[in-house]
Amino acid sequence: MSIRKFIFCDICNPQGLRSIEFRRSPRGDERTGRRISDGRSWFEGELNMAIKAGWVSTSDGMHICPFCQTLRPASNR
């Protein structure tokens, strides 16, 4: 049995929630599609794989997803 590892974005998902996607019927004022996300980011896998996928691990131990990196400049990390 292997242990699953998850990395959660400390900016948009500090609570560490993984159930972020649900089915919905399309509405006119929303993006089309069968699924919608509440925007909380997480990565399933090892830290080195997350970094290869664009995540950042800061010197103080924070993990920041690629989307939040665009919102928070590197000088503020």
N, C-alpha and C. Protein backbone atom coordinates (compact mmCIF):
# COMPACT_ATOMS: atom_id res chain seq x y z
N MET A 1 0.84 -1.17 0.00
CA MET A 1 0.00 0.00 0.00
C MET A 1 0.88 1.24 0.00
N SER A 2 0.66 2.14 -0.94
CA SER A 2 1.43 3.37 -1.00
C SER A 2 0.69 4.50 -0.29
N ILE A 3 1.45 5.45 0.17
CA ILE A 3 0.88 6.61 0.86
C ILE A 3 0.71 7.73 -0.16
N ARG A 4 -0.48 8.30 -0.22
CA ARG A 4 -0.74 9.42 -1.12
C ARG A 4 -0.27 10.70 -0.45
N LYS A 5 0.39 11.55 -1.23
CA LYS A 5 0.90 12.82 -0.71
C LYS A 5 0.23 13.96 -1.46
N PHE A 6 -0.14 14.99 -0.71
CA PHE A 6 -0.80 16.14 -1.29
C PHE A 6 -0.08 17.41 -0.84
N ILE A 7 0.00 18.36 -1.74
CA ILE A 7 0.57 19.68 -1.45
C ILE A 7 -0.55 20.67 -1.70
N PHE A 8 -0.80 21.52 -0.73
CA PHE A 8 -1.87 22.50 -0.83
C PHE A 8 -1.28 23.90 -0.92
N CYS A 9 -1.89 24.74 -1.74
CA CYS A 9 -1.42 26.12 -1.88
C CYS A 9 -1.72 26.86 -0.58
N ASP A 10 -0.70 27.49 -0.01
CA ASP A 10 -0.88 28.21 1.25
C ASP A 10 -1.56 29.56 1.07
N ILE A 11 -1.79 29.97 -0.16
CA ILE A 11 -2.50 31.23 -0.39
C ILE A 11 -3.98 30.98 -0.66
N CYS A 12 -4.30 30.15 -1.65
CA CYS A 12 -5.71 29.95 -2.02
C CYS A 12 -6.35 28.74 -1.35
N ASN A 13 -5.57 27.90 -0.68
CA ASN A 13 -6.13 26.71 -0.04
C ASN A 13 -5.43 26.39 1.28
N PRO A 14 -5.37 27.34 2.20
CA PRO A 14 -4.66 27.08 3.46
C PRO A 14 -5.35 26.04 4.34
N GLN A 15 -6.64 25.77 4.10
CA GLN A 15 -7.36 24.76 4.88
C GLN A 15 -7.04 23.34 4.42
N GLY A 16 -6.42 23.20 3.27
CA GLY A 16 -6.06 21.87 2.76
C GLY A 16 -7.26 21.06 2.29
N LEU A 17 -8.16 21.68 1.54
CA LEU A 17 -9.35 21.00 1.03
C LEU A 17 -9.10 20.45 -0.36
N ARG A 18 -9.56 19.20 -0.60
CA ARG A 18 -9.38 18.58 -1.91
C ARG A 18 -10.67 18.46 -2.70
N SER A 19 -11.81 18.56 -2.09
CA SER A 19 -13.07 18.39 -2.82
C SER A 19 -13.49 19.73 -3.42
N ILE A 20 -12.84 20.09 -4.53
CA ILE A 20 -13.04 21.42 -5.09
C ILE A 20 -13.84 21.42 -6.38
N GLU A 21 -14.21 20.27 -6.86
CA GLU A 21 -14.87 20.19 -8.16
C GLU A 21 -16.21 19.50 -7.99
N PHE A 22 -17.22 20.02 -8.66
CA PHE A 22 -18.52 19.38 -8.59
C PHE A 22 -19.22 19.52 -9.93
N ARG A 23 -20.17 18.67 -10.16
CA ARG A 23 -20.93 18.73 -11.42
C ARG A 23 -22.02 19.78 -11.31
N ARG A 24 -22.29 20.40 -12.42
CA ARG A 24 -23.35 21.40 -12.45
C ARG A 24 -23.90 21.47 -13.86
N SER A 25 -25.07 22.01 -13.97
CA SER A 25 -25.61 22.25 -15.30
C SER A 25 -25.20 23.66 -15.73
N PRO A 26 -24.86 23.84 -16.99
CA PRO A 26 -24.41 25.16 -17.47
C PRO A 26 -25.47 26.23 -17.30
N ARG A 27 -25.02 27.41 -16.97
CA ARG A 27 -25.90 28.58 -16.87
C ARG A 27 -25.38 29.65 -17.81
N GLY A 28 -26.25 30.53 -18.24
CA GLY A 28 -25.87 31.54 -19.22
C GLY A 28 -24.80 32.51 -18.75
N ASP A 29 -24.76 32.84 -17.47
CA ASP A 29 -23.81 33.83 -16.98
C ASP A 29 -22.51 33.22 -16.47
N GLU A 30 -22.30 31.91 -16.66
CA GLU A 30 -21.10 31.24 -16.19
C GLU A 30 -20.36 30.60 -17.36
N ARG A 31 -19.14 30.17 -17.07
CA ARG A 31 -18.39 29.45 -18.10
C ARG A 31 -19.12 28.16 -18.45
N THR A 32 -18.99 27.75 -19.67
CA THR A 32 -19.67 26.52 -20.08
C THR A 32 -18.88 25.32 -19.60
N GLY A 33 -19.55 24.21 -19.54
CA GLY A 33 -18.89 22.98 -19.13
C GLY A 33 -19.69 22.26 -18.06
N ARG A 34 -19.30 21.02 -17.80
CA ARG A 34 -20.02 20.21 -16.83
C ARG A 34 -19.45 20.34 -15.43
N ARG A 35 -18.26 20.88 -15.31
CA ARG A 35 -17.62 20.96 -13.99
C ARG A 35 -17.19 22.39 -13.70
N ILE A 36 -17.16 22.73 -12.44
CA ILE A 36 -16.70 24.04 -12.02
C ILE A 36 -15.85 23.85 -10.77
N SER A 37 -14.89 24.69 -10.56
CA SER A 37 -13.99 24.59 -9.42
C SER A 37 -14.14 25.85 -8.57
N ASP A 38 -13.92 25.71 -7.27
CA ASP A 38 -13.99 26.89 -6.42
C ASP A 38 -12.65 27.61 -6.34
N GLY A 39 -11.65 27.15 -7.07
CA GLY A 39 -10.38 27.84 -7.17
C GLY A 39 -9.32 27.42 -6.17
N ARG A 40 -9.60 26.49 -5.30
CA ARG A 40 -8.60 26.04 -4.33
C ARG A 40 -7.64 25.06 -5.00
N SER A 41 -6.34 25.35 -4.91
CA SER A 41 -5.35 24.52 -5.59
C SER A 41 -4.70 23.51 -4.66
N TRP A 42 -4.46 22.33 -5.23
CA TRP A 42 -3.72 21.28 -4.54
C TRP A 42 -3.05 20.42 -5.60
N PHE A 43 -2.01 19.73 -5.19
CA PHE A 43 -1.24 18.88 -6.09
C PHE A 43 -1.06 17.53 -5.44
N GLU A 44 -1.33 16.47 -6.16
CA GLU A 44 -1.13 15.13 -5.64
C GLU A 44 0.21 14.61 -6.15
N GLY A 45 1.14 14.41 -5.23
CA GLY A 45 2.45 13.90 -5.60
C GLY A 45 3.54 14.49 -4.73
N GLU A 46 4.76 14.19 -5.09
CA GLU A 46 5.94 14.64 -4.36
C GLU A 46 6.21 16.12 -4.65
N LEU A 47 6.91 16.78 -3.72
CA LEU A 47 7.22 18.20 -3.86
C LEU A 47 8.03 18.47 -5.12
N ASN A 48 9.00 17.61 -5.43
CA ASN A 48 9.81 17.86 -6.63
C ASN A 48 8.97 17.81 -7.90
N MET A 49 7.95 16.97 -7.93
CA MET A 49 7.05 16.93 -9.09
C MET A 49 6.19 18.19 -9.15
N ALA A 50 5.76 18.69 -8.00
CA ALA A 50 4.97 19.93 -7.97
C ALA A 50 5.80 21.09 -8.48
N ILE A 51 7.05 21.15 -8.09
CA ILE A 51 7.94 22.22 -8.55
C ILE A 51 8.12 22.14 -10.06
N LYS A 52 8.25 20.93 -10.60
CA LYS A 52 8.35 20.77 -12.06
C LYS A 52 7.08 21.21 -12.76
N ALA A 53 5.94 21.12 -12.05
CA ALA A 53 4.65 21.53 -12.62
C ALA A 53 4.38 23.02 -12.41
N GLY A 54 5.34 23.77 -11.84
CA GLY A 54 5.19 25.21 -11.71
C GLY A 54 4.93 25.73 -10.31
N TRP A 55 4.86 24.85 -9.33
CA TRP A 55 4.66 25.27 -7.95
C TRP A 55 5.98 25.81 -7.39
N VAL A 56 5.86 26.63 -6.32
CA VAL A 56 7.03 27.19 -5.65
C VAL A 56 6.98 26.79 -4.19
N SER A 57 8.13 26.42 -3.66
CA SER A 57 8.28 26.16 -2.23
C SER A 57 9.20 27.24 -1.68
N THR A 58 8.68 28.09 -0.78
CA THR A 58 9.46 29.22 -0.27
C THR A 58 10.39 28.77 0.85
N SER A 59 11.30 29.65 1.23
CA SER A 59 12.26 29.34 2.28
C SER A 59 11.60 29.17 3.65
N ASP A 60 10.41 29.75 3.83
CA ASP A 60 9.71 29.59 5.10
C ASP A 60 8.70 28.45 5.08
N GLY A 61 8.76 27.60 4.03
CA GLY A 61 7.95 26.39 3.98
C GLY A 61 6.58 26.53 3.35
N MET A 62 6.29 27.67 2.75
CA MET A 62 5.01 27.84 2.06
C MET A 62 5.06 27.18 0.70
N HIS A 63 3.92 26.70 0.23
CA HIS A 63 3.78 26.15 -1.12
C HIS A 63 2.80 27.05 -1.86
N ILE A 64 3.20 27.51 -3.04
CA ILE A 64 2.39 28.46 -3.80
C ILE A 64 2.14 27.90 -5.19
N CYS A 65 0.85 27.81 -5.56
CA CYS A 65 0.47 27.26 -6.86
C CYS A 65 0.81 28.24 -7.98
N PRO A 66 0.85 27.77 -9.21
CA PRO A 66 1.18 28.65 -10.34
C PRO A 66 0.23 29.83 -10.48
N PHE A 67 -1.07 29.64 -10.24
CA PHE A 67 -2.02 30.74 -10.39
C PHE A 67 -1.75 31.84 -9.36
N CYS A 68 -1.54 31.46 -8.11
CA CYS A 68 -1.31 32.46 -7.06
C CYS A 68 0.01 33.19 -7.25
N GLN A 69 0.96 32.57 -7.93
CA GLN A 69 2.21 33.24 -8.22
C GLN A 69 1.99 34.46 -9.12
N THR A 70 1.00 34.38 -9.99
CA THR A 70 0.70 35.51 -10.86
C THR A 70 0.03 36.64 -10.08
N LEU A 71 -0.61 36.32 -8.96
CA LEU A 71 -1.29 37.32 -8.16
C LEU A 71 -0.38 37.95 -7.11
N ARG A 72 0.65 37.22 -6.71
CA ARG A 72 1.54 37.66 -5.63
C ARG A 72 2.97 37.68 -6.16
N PRO A 73 3.50 38.87 -6.44
CA PRO A 73 4.85 38.96 -7.01
C PRO A 73 5.91 38.32 -6.11
N ALA A 74 7.00 37.86 -6.72
CA ALA A 74 8.06 37.16 -5.99
C ALA A 74 8.66 38.03 -4.90
N SER A 75 8.68 39.34 -5.07
CA SER A 75 9.27 40.22 -4.06
C SER A 75 8.46 40.21 -2.75
N ASN A 76 7.19 39.80 -2.80
CA ASN A 76 6.34 39.77 -1.61
C ASN A 76 6.34 38.41 -0.93
N ARG A 77 7.08 37.44 -1.44
CA ARG A 77 7.04 36.08 -0.87
C ARG A 77 7.98 35.95 0.28
